[in-house]
Amino acid sequence: MSTKTSFKLSFAGATGAQFGRRVFATTIPFETVERVLVVFPEVQRKINKVKVKAIAQYILKGLKSRNYCFLSAITATCRGDIGYEEDDNEVQLDMMARLSINDGQHRVEGIKLALKILREQVEKATGSERTEAQRRLDKLSDMSIPVVIFDSMDKVYEEQLFHDLNLLATKPTKSVSLKFDNTDLYNTMAKELKDENEKLLELGVETERTSLGEKNGEIMVLSTLRNMISYAISGSEKDKSEALTDDNYDEFKLTISNMIDSLFDALPNDCYDRSRYIIGTAATMQGIGKYYNYLINNDSIANVDEYVAGLANVDWKHSNPVLARGGFGGSFDITKNRFVFSGTGAGVNGVCNFLIQHNEPQE
């Protein structure tokens, strides 16, 4: 960015035309984003503060060397004078102009919040901690975000642009999103084990769909494996306590891989048959993960491997009368001739409690 005169902001970029309107492409430094990118309520929806905080956290985590982080381009319309300098390949924005955000308001607010958090950390820290906080702030301030700018649009056109960008987009399935997500340690572990663990390679993990048919030969979808691992390590799907870290990742990965080996040695060979067993459901697999977490964190249990081996003696059939009596997150549906969980959360807890009460160690 440069200020060739006292009246313009200049950004390296390009220009062209789209459907008879000028369009500019550039990158704007994070520290400048706060000044020139503005949300005008009449052409935007209300800010979701939870989403803003999630994006800010994503940005801050992206400062760590192991994490991948990327923010896609902001789309905006210029309210004020904008031009293009051919000789220097620069987009020139009048100092009084503002860029009305059409798509990306939560990304912009997330950037602003991340900068605010780091500035506060710099102010509060001392010594080496202050130096490190300042280094992270400088690194973030120097980053840029791509911006596509449309010119000469009135309110009606801005509203239509918002509609086209936001409401016509197709949201990918959870499994597809996880397939390409490299920021979540649990997802990273799930993808690695899917390709490395012999049991999972044999049974198969679906990475595109969100659910599997009764006779599908694959044991689970990627999102179920990810959550199963999270339950096994942290006892929950979200891991708010950050039980899994970069430092203990390899150790936990080996533990989980061994658990999966022992688990599928104990389960029936046709455990993927969802018409016969409750095993291949998301609730059951995640519930088993939570049960494993219970075993490793129960100080009165030393023989964890024997309890996992004991799963071979559990009646996993839909017709199990113990399940049918209720109290384990679901009930037997006569019309479907199968045990049906009332919800995934209830099912996870139900399966865990069922195993705590009825599984015995196998010596």
Protein backbone atom coordinates (compact mmCIF):
# COMPACT_ATOMS: atom_id res chain seq x y z
CA MET A 1 0.00 0.00 0.00
CA SER A 2 1.17 3.55 -0.70
CA THR A 3 -0.17 7.09 -0.35
CA LYS A 4 0.95 8.81 -3.55
CA THR A 5 -0.89 11.96 -2.57
CA SER A 6 -2.54 13.03 0.63
CA PHE A 7 -5.90 12.27 -0.93
CA LYS A 8 -5.59 8.67 -2.10
CA LEU A 9 -4.77 5.21 -0.83
CA SER A 10 -3.06 3.06 -3.44
CA PHE A 11 -2.91 -0.73 -3.55
CA ALA A 12 -1.19 -2.95 -6.09
CA GLY A 13 -3.86 -4.62 -8.17
CA ALA A 14 -5.67 -5.13 -11.44
CA THR A 15 -8.86 -3.98 -13.09
CA GLY A 16 -11.34 -5.28 -15.62
CA ALA A 17 -15.03 -5.39 -16.42
CA GLN A 18 -17.84 -7.77 -15.53
CA PHE A 19 -21.35 -7.43 -16.97
CA GLY A 20 -20.73 -3.81 -17.88
CA ARG A 21 -19.32 -2.76 -14.51
CA ARG A 22 -15.78 -2.00 -13.46
CA VAL A 23 -14.22 -4.47 -11.07
CA PHE A 24 -10.92 -4.18 -9.21
CA ALA A 25 -8.82 -6.87 -7.53
CA THR A 26 -6.27 -6.07 -4.85
CA THR A 27 -4.97 -7.03 -1.42
CA ILE A 28 -5.40 -4.84 1.64
CA PRO A 29 -3.19 -5.10 4.77
CA PHE A 30 -4.97 -6.20 7.93
CA GLU A 31 -4.07 -2.95 9.68
CA THR A 32 -5.79 -0.99 6.88
CA VAL A 33 -8.85 -3.25 6.77
CA GLU A 34 -10.19 -1.53 9.87
CA ARG A 35 -10.22 1.86 8.14
CA VAL A 36 -11.58 1.18 4.67
CA LEU A 37 -13.83 -1.90 4.87
CA VAL A 38 -17.18 -1.00 6.42
CA VAL A 39 -20.46 -2.81 7.10
CA PHE A 40 -23.54 -0.85 6.03
CA PRO A 41 -26.52 -2.47 7.82
CA GLU A 42 -28.99 -1.78 5.01
CA VAL A 43 -27.17 -4.20 2.67
CA GLN A 44 -25.96 -6.75 5.24
CA ARG A 45 -27.33 -9.14 7.82
CA LYS A 46 -26.64 -8.73 11.53
CA ILE A 47 -23.21 -9.65 12.82
CA ASN A 48 -23.03 -13.07 14.49
CA LYS A 49 -20.64 -12.47 17.40
CA VAL A 50 -20.09 -16.18 17.96
CA LYS A 51 -18.95 -16.56 14.35
CA VAL A 52 -16.69 -13.50 14.64
CA LYS A 53 -14.99 -14.96 17.72
CA ALA A 54 -14.55 -18.31 15.98
CA ILE A 55 -12.84 -16.62 13.02
CA ALA A 56 -10.63 -14.54 15.35
CA GLN A 57 -9.58 -17.73 17.13
CA TYR A 58 -8.90 -19.37 13.77
CA ILE A 59 -6.68 -16.44 12.78
CA LEU A 60 -4.77 -16.49 16.08
CA LYS A 61 -4.22 -20.24 15.81
CA GLY A 62 -2.96 -19.67 12.28
CA LEU A 63 0.02 -17.78 13.71
CA LYS A 64 1.34 -21.10 15.03
CA SER A 65 3.77 -22.78 12.66
CA ARG A 66 1.93 -26.13 12.46
CA ASN A 67 -1.47 -24.69 11.64
CA TYR A 68 -2.81 -23.90 8.18
CA CYS A 69 -4.87 -20.74 7.88
CA PHE A 70 -6.43 -18.99 4.91
CA LEU A 71 -9.02 -16.26 4.53
CA SER A 72 -10.79 -16.06 1.18
CA ALA A 73 -11.38 -12.80 -0.69
CA ILE A 74 -13.73 -10.10 0.55
CA THR A 75 -16.25 -8.75 -1.96
CA ALA A 76 -17.12 -5.07 -1.62
CA THR A 77 -18.57 -2.12 -3.51
CA CYS A 78 -16.90 1.28 -3.45
CA ARG A 79 -18.81 4.19 -1.95
CA GLY A 80 -16.70 7.07 -3.17
CA ASP A 81 -14.11 7.65 -5.87
CA ILE A 82 -11.98 4.75 -7.08
CA GLY A 83 -9.67 4.52 -10.08
CA TYR A 84 -6.83 2.59 -11.61
CA GLU A 85 -3.31 3.80 -12.43
CA GLU A 86 -2.19 1.83 -15.48
CA ASP A 87 1.48 2.83 -15.31
CA ASP A 88 1.95 1.54 -11.77
CA ASN A 89 -0.76 -1.16 -11.79
CA GLU A 90 -2.39 0.36 -8.73
CA VAL A 91 -5.95 0.61 -7.50
CA GLN A 92 -6.39 4.14 -6.13
CA LEU A 93 -9.01 4.83 -3.49
CA ASP A 94 -10.04 8.30 -2.37
CA MET A 95 -9.21 8.87 1.31
CA MET A 96 -12.86 9.65 2.00
CA ALA A 97 -14.18 6.57 0.16
CA ARG A 98 -15.35 3.48 1.98
CA LEU A 99 -15.69 -0.10 0.78
CA SER A 100 -19.14 -1.50 1.59
CA ILE A 101 -18.75 -5.20 2.43
CA ASN A 102 -21.08 -7.45 0.44
CA ASP A 103 -19.48 -10.76 1.38
CA GLY A 104 -17.01 -11.30 4.21
CA GLN A 105 -18.19 -9.09 7.06
CA HIS A 106 -17.48 -11.82 9.62
CA ARG A 107 -13.97 -12.30 8.23
CA VAL A 108 -13.33 -8.56 8.53
CA GLU A 109 -14.72 -8.41 12.07
CA GLY A 110 -12.67 -11.50 12.94
CA ILE A 111 -9.50 -9.78 11.71
CA LYS A 112 -10.32 -6.68 13.76
CA LEU A 113 -10.98 -8.75 16.89
CA ALA A 114 -7.76 -10.75 16.47
CA LEU A 115 -5.76 -7.50 16.17
CA LYS A 116 -7.54 -6.08 19.23
CA ILE A 117 -6.75 -9.19 21.29
CA LEU A 118 -3.06 -9.09 20.35
CA ARG A 119 -2.81 -5.36 21.08
CA GLU A 120 -4.24 -5.97 24.54
CA GLN A 121 -1.77 -8.80 25.09
CA VAL A 122 1.12 -6.49 24.17
CA GLU A 123 -0.10 -3.86 26.63
CA LYS A 124 -0.46 -6.34 29.51
CA ALA A 125 2.69 -8.40 28.92
CA THR A 126 6.22 -7.65 30.12
CA GLY A 127 9.72 -8.81 29.25
CA SER A 128 10.08 -11.71 26.83
CA GLU A 129 6.32 -12.29 26.79
CA ARG A 130 5.76 -8.74 25.57
CA THR A 131 8.41 -9.21 22.89
CA GLU A 132 6.70 -12.38 21.66
CA ALA A 133 3.26 -10.74 21.74
CA GLN A 134 4.59 -7.78 19.73
CA ARG A 135 6.16 -10.16 17.21
CA ARG A 136 2.81 -11.89 16.70
CA LEU A 137 1.00 -8.53 16.39
CA ASP A 138 3.50 -7.27 13.80
CA LYS A 139 3.20 -10.51 11.85
CA LEU A 140 -0.59 -10.28 11.80
CA SER A 141 -0.66 -6.56 10.97
CA ASP A 142 1.56 -7.13 7.93
CA MET A 143 -0.74 -9.79 6.49
CA SER A 144 -3.14 -8.91 3.67
CA ILE A 145 -6.52 -10.16 2.54
CA PRO A 146 -7.66 -10.30 -1.10
CA VAL A 147 -10.48 -7.89 -1.95
CA VAL A 148 -12.65 -7.75 -5.07
CA ILE A 149 -14.20 -4.29 -5.50
CA PHE A 150 -17.19 -3.37 -7.66
CA ASP A 151 -17.78 0.24 -8.69
CA SER A 152 -20.92 2.30 -9.36
CA MET A 153 -23.49 0.16 -7.57
CA ASP A 154 -26.55 1.55 -5.85
CA LYS A 155 -28.30 -0.01 -2.85
CA VAL A 156 -30.48 -2.31 -4.99
CA TYR A 157 -27.47 -3.75 -6.80
CA GLU A 158 -25.61 -4.21 -3.50
CA GLU A 159 -28.56 -6.12 -2.05
CA GLN A 160 -28.66 -8.36 -5.12
CA LEU A 161 -24.92 -8.95 -4.91
CA PHE A 162 -25.29 -9.99 -1.27
CA HIS A 163 -28.06 -12.41 -2.24
CA ASP A 164 -26.11 -13.95 -5.11
CA LEU A 165 -22.93 -14.40 -3.07
CA ASN A 166 -24.51 -15.78 0.08
CA LEU A 167 -27.82 -17.45 -0.66
CA LEU A 168 -26.96 -19.24 -3.89
CA ALA A 169 -23.86 -20.94 -2.49
CA THR A 170 -24.05 -24.67 -1.68
CA LYS A 171 -22.71 -25.62 1.73
CA PRO A 172 -20.52 -28.76 1.64
CA THR A 173 -21.35 -31.73 3.85
CA LYS A 174 -19.60 -32.02 7.19
CA SER A 175 -17.51 -34.96 6.00
CA VAL A 176 -16.42 -33.08 2.87
CA SER A 177 -15.49 -30.04 4.98
CA LEU A 178 -13.44 -32.21 7.32
CA LYS A 179 -11.79 -33.95 4.37
CA PHE A 180 -10.09 -30.69 3.41
CA ASP A 181 -9.64 -29.21 6.90
CA ASN A 182 -6.04 -29.26 8.15
CA THR A 183 -6.45 -26.95 11.14
CA ASP A 184 -8.17 -29.32 13.58
CA LEU A 185 -5.81 -31.82 15.23
CA TYR A 186 -8.58 -34.40 15.67
CA ASN A 187 -9.48 -34.16 12.02
CA THR A 188 -5.83 -34.45 11.04
CA MET A 189 -5.50 -37.58 13.16
CA ALA A 190 -8.69 -39.08 11.71
CA LYS A 191 -7.46 -38.55 8.15
CA GLU A 192 -4.04 -39.99 8.92
CA LEU A 193 -5.43 -43.06 10.67
CA LYS A 194 -7.94 -43.57 7.86
CA ASP A 195 -5.00 -44.01 5.49
CA GLU A 196 -2.58 -45.76 7.86
CA ASN A 197 -4.48 -48.03 10.26
CA GLU A 198 -4.93 -51.52 8.78
CA LYS A 199 -8.31 -52.10 10.43
CA LEU A 200 -9.72 -48.86 9.06
CA LEU A 201 -8.23 -49.54 5.64
CA GLU A 202 -9.93 -52.93 5.65
CA LEU A 203 -13.32 -51.67 6.85
CA GLY A 204 -13.28 -48.33 5.03
CA VAL A 205 -14.06 -44.75 6.08
CA GLU A 206 -16.38 -42.67 3.87
CA THR A 207 -15.10 -39.13 3.23
CA GLU A 208 -17.89 -37.63 1.11
CA ARG A 209 -21.28 -38.65 2.48
CA THR A 210 -22.74 -37.82 5.89
CA SER A 211 -24.46 -41.18 6.46
CA LEU A 212 -24.19 -44.79 5.33
CA GLY A 213 -26.82 -47.32 4.27
CA GLU A 214 -27.50 -50.45 6.29
CA LYS A 215 -25.57 -52.75 3.96
CA ASN A 216 -22.77 -50.30 3.11
CA GLY A 217 -19.45 -52.06 3.61
CA GLU A 218 -17.74 -49.04 5.17
CA ILE A 219 -17.74 -48.81 8.94
CA MET A 220 -18.25 -45.05 9.40
CA VAL A 221 -17.95 -41.58 7.86
CA LEU A 222 -14.95 -39.34 8.46
CA SER A 223 -16.79 -36.98 10.83
CA THR A 224 -17.77 -39.95 13.03
CA LEU A 225 -14.16 -41.13 13.22
CA ARG A 226 -13.03 -37.61 14.09
CA ASN A 227 -15.58 -37.34 16.90
CA MET A 228 -14.87 -40.86 18.15
CA ILE A 229 -11.20 -39.92 18.55
CA SER A 230 -12.14 -36.68 20.32
CA TYR A 231 -14.39 -38.55 22.75
CA ALA A 232 -11.65 -41.11 23.41
CA ILE A 233 -9.01 -38.48 24.18
CA SER A 234 -10.99 -35.65 25.77
CA GLY A 235 -14.33 -37.20 26.74
CA SER A 236 -16.24 -34.78 24.51
CA GLU A 237 -16.75 -33.81 20.89
CA LYS A 238 -15.36 -30.27 21.29
CA ASP A 239 -12.34 -30.78 23.62
CA LYS A 240 -12.62 -27.38 25.29
CA SER A 241 -9.84 -28.39 27.69
CA GLU A 242 -7.41 -28.85 24.75
CA ALA A 243 -6.39 -32.34 25.84
CA LEU A 244 -4.80 -32.93 22.42
CA THR A 245 -1.88 -30.64 21.56
CA ASP A 246 1.00 -30.51 19.10
CA ASP A 247 3.31 -31.77 21.84
CA ASN A 248 1.33 -34.93 22.70
CA TYR A 249 -0.12 -35.55 19.23
CA ASP A 250 2.15 -38.44 18.20
CA GLU A 251 1.75 -40.21 21.53
CA PHE A 252 -2.04 -40.00 21.41
CA LYS A 253 -2.11 -41.04 17.77
CA LEU A 254 -0.30 -44.29 18.62
CA THR A 255 -2.65 -44.88 21.56
CA ILE A 256 -5.75 -44.36 19.42
CA SER A 257 -4.40 -46.55 16.61
CA ASN A 258 -3.82 -49.37 19.09
CA MET A 259 -7.30 -48.82 20.54
CA ILE A 260 -8.83 -49.13 17.07
CA ASP A 261 -6.90 -52.36 16.45
CA SER A 262 -8.10 -53.87 19.72
CA LEU A 263 -11.64 -52.61 19.21
CA PHE A 264 -12.15 -54.18 15.80
CA ASP A 265 -10.43 -57.39 16.89
CA ALA A 266 -13.19 -57.65 19.49
CA LEU A 267 -16.18 -56.60 17.36
CA PRO A 268 -17.94 -58.98 14.91
CA ASN A 269 -16.34 -59.33 11.48
CA ASP A 270 -19.52 -57.98 9.89
CA CYS A 271 -19.82 -55.11 12.38
CA TYR A 272 -20.54 -52.76 9.46
CA ASP A 273 -23.94 -54.46 8.94
CA ARG A 274 -26.22 -51.76 10.31
CA SER A 275 -29.31 -53.88 9.68
CA ARG A 276 -28.06 -56.36 12.29
CA TYR A 277 -25.98 -54.35 14.77
CA ILE A 278 -26.06 -50.93 16.36
CA ILE A 279 -22.26 -50.74 15.89
CA GLY A 280 -22.16 -48.90 12.57
CA THR A 281 -24.13 -45.89 13.78
CA ALA A 282 -22.46 -42.58 14.60
CA ALA A 283 -23.83 -42.65 18.15
CA THR A 284 -22.40 -46.10 18.89
CA MET A 285 -18.92 -45.44 17.52
CA GLN A 286 -18.68 -42.14 19.39
CA GLY A 287 -20.14 -43.76 22.50
CA ILE A 288 -17.42 -46.41 22.36
CA GLY A 289 -14.87 -43.59 22.17
CA LYS A 290 -16.38 -41.99 25.27
CA TYR A 291 -16.37 -45.35 27.04
CA TYR A 292 -12.66 -45.72 26.26
CA ASN A 293 -12.06 -42.30 27.81
CA TYR A 294 -13.92 -43.51 30.91
CA LEU A 295 -11.67 -46.58 31.11
CA ILE A 296 -8.37 -44.72 30.84
CA ASN A 297 -9.43 -42.06 33.36
CA ASN A 298 -10.92 -44.43 35.96
CA ASP A 299 -8.25 -44.94 38.63
CA SER A 300 -9.88 -48.20 39.77
CA ILE A 301 -9.36 -49.79 36.33
CA ALA A 302 -5.85 -50.90 35.38
CA ASN A 303 -6.64 -53.58 32.79
CA VAL A 304 -8.01 -51.31 30.05
CA ASP A 305 -7.02 -53.72 27.27
CA GLU A 306 -9.02 -56.51 28.90
CA TYR A 307 -12.12 -54.31 29.02
CA VAL A 308 -11.71 -53.49 25.33
CA ALA A 309 -11.31 -57.20 24.58
CA GLY A 310 -14.47 -57.80 26.61
CA LEU A 311 -16.48 -55.94 23.97
CA ALA A 312 -16.40 -59.24 22.06
CA ASN A 313 -18.95 -60.60 24.54
CA VAL A 314 -21.38 -57.67 24.27
CA ASP A 315 -24.65 -58.31 22.44
CA TRP A 316 -24.59 -55.58 19.80
CA LYS A 317 -27.74 -56.71 18.02
CA HIS A 318 -30.74 -54.43 17.65
CA SER A 319 -32.79 -57.13 19.37
CA ASN A 320 -30.75 -57.06 22.60
CA PRO A 321 -33.46 -57.09 25.33
CA VAL A 322 -31.27 -55.00 27.65
CA LEU A 323 -31.28 -52.18 25.11
CA ALA A 324 -34.99 -52.65 24.47
CA ARG A 325 -35.80 -52.03 28.14
CA GLY A 326 -34.73 -48.43 27.60
CA GLY A 327 -32.53 -45.98 29.43
CA PHE A 328 -29.71 -46.07 26.90
CA GLY A 329 -30.54 -43.19 24.61
CA GLY A 330 -33.17 -44.83 22.44
CA SER A 331 -35.79 -47.53 22.05
CA PHE A 332 -36.68 -50.48 19.86
CA ASP A 333 -38.82 -49.48 16.88
CA ILE A 334 -41.08 -52.40 15.97
CA THR A 335 -41.94 -50.97 12.54
CA LYS A 336 -38.24 -50.70 11.62
CA ASN A 337 -37.26 -53.83 13.57
CA ARG A 338 -34.26 -52.07 15.01
CA PHE A 339 -33.02 -50.05 17.97
CA VAL A 340 -33.28 -46.33 17.22
CA PHE A 341 -31.42 -43.62 19.11
CA SER A 342 -33.45 -40.52 19.99
CA GLY A 343 -30.51 -38.34 18.95
CA THR A 344 -26.76 -38.57 18.49
CA GLY A 345 -25.95 -36.91 21.80
CA ALA A 346 -28.37 -39.10 23.73
CA GLY A 347 -27.05 -42.13 21.86
CA VAL A 348 -23.41 -41.36 22.69
CA ASN A 349 -24.18 -41.13 26.40
CA GLY A 350 -26.51 -44.12 26.22
CA VAL A 351 -23.92 -46.40 24.61
CA CYS A 352 -21.25 -45.27 27.07
CA ASN A 353 -23.52 -45.96 30.05
CA PHE A 354 -24.62 -49.29 28.56
CA LEU A 355 -21.00 -50.43 28.32
CA ILE A 356 -20.11 -49.14 31.79
CA GLN A 357 -22.95 -51.20 33.22
CA HIS A 358 -22.73 -54.36 31.11
CA ASN A 359 -19.21 -54.82 29.71
CA GLU A 360 -16.86 -57.10 31.62
CA PRO A 361 -13.10 -57.54 31.17
CA GLN A 362 -11.90 -60.56 29.22
CA GLU A 363 -8.74 -62.06 30.69
